[in-house]
Amino acid sequence: MSATLTRREEQVLGLVRRGLTNSEIAAELEIATRTVGKHLEHVYEKLETSTRTGALARWNPS
């Protein structure tokens, strides 16, 4: 699997890896909580998973 994540999707996933909630990620990136959720939906689709844990397991940052 060689899914290409956007820079923002990688930022969001990096913050997920640090253990932040969607609300905390939104505050950190100064975006809406719903936007964080949308970024994660796209990540899940690209990485063919449906969970944060699954996304982290499949994510291979360059």
N, C-alpha and C. Protein backbone atom coordinates (compact mmCIF):
# COMPACT_ATOMS: atom_id res chain seq x y z
N MET A 1 0.85 -1.18 0.00
CA MET A 1 0.00 0.00 0.00
C MET A 1 0.89 1.23 0.00
N SER A 2 0.68 2.14 -0.95
CA SER A 2 1.48 3.35 -1.00
C SER A 2 0.55 4.56 -1.09
N ALA A 3 -0.27 4.72 -0.08
CA ALA A 3 -1.20 5.84 -0.04
C ALA A 3 -0.41 7.12 0.23
N THR A 4 -0.77 8.16 -0.49
CA THR A 4 -0.11 9.44 -0.30
C THR A 4 -1.02 10.35 0.52
N LEU A 5 -0.55 10.70 1.70
CA LEU A 5 -1.30 11.61 2.56
C LEU A 5 -0.86 13.03 2.28
N THR A 6 -1.79 13.96 2.46
CA THR A 6 -1.44 15.37 2.32
C THR A 6 -0.62 15.79 3.54
N ARG A 7 0.01 16.93 3.41
CA ARG A 7 0.80 17.46 4.54
C ARG A 7 -0.08 17.60 5.78
N ARG A 8 -1.27 18.12 5.61
CA ARG A 8 -2.18 18.33 6.74
C ARG A 8 -2.61 17.01 7.34
N GLU A 9 -2.91 16.02 6.50
CA GLU A 9 -3.28 14.70 7.02
C GLU A 9 -2.14 14.11 7.84
N GLU A 10 -0.91 14.31 7.37
CA GLU A 10 0.24 13.83 8.14
C GLU A 10 0.38 14.58 9.45
N GLN A 11 0.12 15.89 9.45
CA GLN A 11 0.16 16.66 10.68
C GLN A 11 -0.86 16.12 11.68
N VAL A 12 -2.07 15.90 11.20
CA VAL A 12 -3.14 15.40 12.07
C VAL A 12 -2.76 14.02 12.62
N LEU A 13 -2.28 13.14 11.78
CA LEU A 13 -1.91 11.81 12.23
C LEU A 13 -0.74 11.85 13.21
N GLY A 14 0.18 12.76 13.00
CA GLY A 14 1.29 12.93 13.94
C GLY A 14 0.80 13.33 15.32
N LEU A 15 -0.22 14.17 15.36
CA LEU A 15 -0.79 14.59 16.64
C LEU A 15 -1.61 13.46 17.26
N VAL A 16 -2.25 12.66 16.43
CA VAL A 16 -2.94 11.47 16.94
C VAL A 16 -1.91 10.56 17.61
N ARG A 17 -0.77 10.41 16.97
CA ARG A 17 0.29 9.56 17.53
C ARG A 17 0.75 10.07 18.90
N ARG A 18 0.69 11.37 19.09
CA ARG A 18 1.06 11.96 20.39
C ARG A 18 -0.04 11.79 21.43
N GLY A 19 -1.19 11.26 21.01
CA GLY A 19 -2.27 10.98 21.95
C GLY A 19 -3.30 12.08 22.10
N LEU A 20 -3.28 13.06 21.21
CA LEU A 20 -4.23 14.16 21.29
C LEU A 20 -5.61 13.76 20.78
N THR A 21 -6.63 14.34 21.37
CA THR A 21 -8.01 14.14 20.92
C THR A 21 -8.26 15.04 19.71
N ASN A 22 -9.37 14.82 19.03
CA ASN A 22 -9.72 15.68 17.89
C ASN A 22 -9.81 17.15 18.31
N SER A 23 -10.38 17.41 19.47
CA SER A 23 -10.49 18.79 19.96
C SER A 23 -9.12 19.40 20.23
N GLU A 24 -8.24 18.62 20.80
CA GLU A 24 -6.88 19.11 21.08
C GLU A 24 -6.10 19.35 19.78
N ILE A 25 -6.30 18.46 18.81
CA ILE A 25 -5.66 18.63 17.51
C ILE A 25 -6.17 19.91 16.85
N ALA A 26 -7.48 20.12 16.92
CA ALA A 26 -8.08 21.32 16.32
C ALA A 26 -7.48 22.58 16.94
N ALA A 27 -7.33 22.59 18.25
CA ALA A 27 -6.76 23.75 18.93
C ALA A 27 -5.30 23.95 18.51
N GLU A 28 -4.56 22.87 18.43
CA GLU A 28 -3.14 22.93 18.06
C GLU A 28 -2.96 23.49 16.64
N LEU A 29 -3.82 23.07 15.72
CA LEU A 29 -3.70 23.48 14.32
C LEU A 29 -4.56 24.69 13.98
N GLU A 30 -5.32 25.16 14.96
CA GLU A 30 -6.22 26.31 14.77
C GLU A 30 -7.20 26.08 13.63
N ILE A 31 -7.85 24.90 13.69
CA ILE A 31 -8.89 24.54 12.73
C ILE A 31 -10.09 24.00 13.52
N ALA A 32 -11.19 23.78 12.85
CA ALA A 32 -12.39 23.26 13.51
C ALA A 32 -12.23 21.78 13.83
N THR A 33 -12.85 21.36 14.91
CA THR A 33 -12.83 19.95 15.30
C THR A 33 -13.40 19.08 14.18
N ARG A 34 -14.44 19.55 13.53
CA ARG A 34 -15.05 18.80 12.43
C ARG A 34 -14.07 18.63 11.28
N THR A 35 -13.24 19.62 11.05
CA THR A 35 -12.23 19.53 9.99
C THR A 35 -11.22 18.44 10.32
N VAL A 36 -10.84 18.33 11.58
CA VAL A 36 -9.94 17.25 12.01
C VAL A 36 -10.59 15.90 11.68
N GLY A 37 -11.87 15.77 12.01
CA GLY A 37 -12.59 14.53 11.72
C GLY A 37 -12.58 14.21 10.23
N LYS A 38 -12.75 15.23 9.40
CA LYS A 38 -12.74 15.02 7.95
C LYS A 38 -11.36 14.57 7.47
N HIS A 39 -10.32 15.20 8.00
CA HIS A 39 -8.96 14.78 7.64
C HIS A 39 -8.76 13.31 8.02
N LEU A 40 -9.23 12.92 9.20
CA LEU A 40 -9.08 11.54 9.63
C LEU A 40 -9.89 10.59 8.75
N GLU A 41 -11.09 11.00 8.33
CA GLU A 41 -11.88 10.17 7.42
C GLU A 41 -11.08 9.89 6.14
N HIS A 42 -10.44 10.92 5.61
CA HIS A 42 -9.64 10.76 4.39
C HIS A 42 -8.45 9.84 4.64
N VAL A 43 -7.81 10.00 5.80
CA VAL A 43 -6.68 9.15 6.17
C VAL A 43 -7.13 7.69 6.24
N TYR A 44 -8.26 7.45 6.90
CA TYR A 44 -8.76 6.08 7.05
C TYR A 44 -9.02 5.45 5.68
N GLU A 45 -9.61 6.24 4.79
CA GLU A 45 -9.90 5.73 3.45
C GLU A 45 -8.61 5.40 2.70
N LYS A 46 -7.66 6.31 2.75
CA LYS A 46 -6.40 6.11 2.03
C LYS A 46 -5.60 4.94 2.59
N LEU A 47 -5.65 4.76 3.92
CA LEU A 47 -4.87 3.69 4.55
C LEU A 47 -5.69 2.41 4.74
N GLU A 48 -6.91 2.43 4.22
CA GLU A 48 -7.79 1.25 4.25
C GLU A 48 -7.98 0.71 5.66
N THR A 49 -8.42 1.59 6.54
CA THR A 49 -8.71 1.22 7.92
C THR A 49 -9.88 2.07 8.39
N SER A 50 -10.34 1.82 9.60
CA SER A 50 -11.47 2.59 10.12
C SER A 50 -11.22 3.10 11.54
N THR A 51 -9.98 2.97 12.00
CA THR A 51 -9.67 3.41 13.37
C THR A 51 -8.37 4.20 13.42
N ARG A 52 -8.24 4.98 14.49
CA ARG A 52 -7.01 5.73 14.71
C ARG A 52 -5.82 4.78 14.87
N THR A 53 -6.04 3.72 15.63
CA THR A 53 -4.97 2.75 15.88
C THR A 53 -4.54 2.08 14.58
N GLY A 54 -5.53 1.71 13.77
CA GLY A 54 -5.22 1.09 12.48
C GLY A 54 -4.47 2.03 11.57
N ALA A 55 -4.85 3.29 11.57
CA ALA A 55 -4.16 4.28 10.74
C ALA A 55 -2.71 4.43 11.17
N LEU A 56 -2.49 4.49 12.47
CA LEU A 56 -1.12 4.62 12.97
C LEU A 56 -0.29 3.40 12.63
N ALA A 57 -0.90 2.22 12.70
CA ALA A 57 -0.18 0.99 12.38
C ALA A 57 0.20 0.92 10.90
N ARG A 58 -0.64 1.50 10.04
CA ARG A 58 -0.40 1.42 8.59
C ARG A 58 0.40 2.60 8.06
N TRP A 59 0.51 3.66 8.85
CA TRP A 59 1.17 4.88 8.40
C TRP A 59 2.67 4.69 8.39
N ASN A 60 3.27 5.05 7.28
CA ASN A 60 4.72 4.95 7.15
C ASN A 60 5.26 6.31 6.71
N PRO A 61 5.44 7.23 7.67
CA PRO A 61 5.88 8.58 7.29
C PRO A 61 7.27 8.55 6.64
N SER A 62 7.44 9.42 5.65
CA SER A 62 8.73 9.43 4.96
C SER A 62 9.76 10.26 5.66
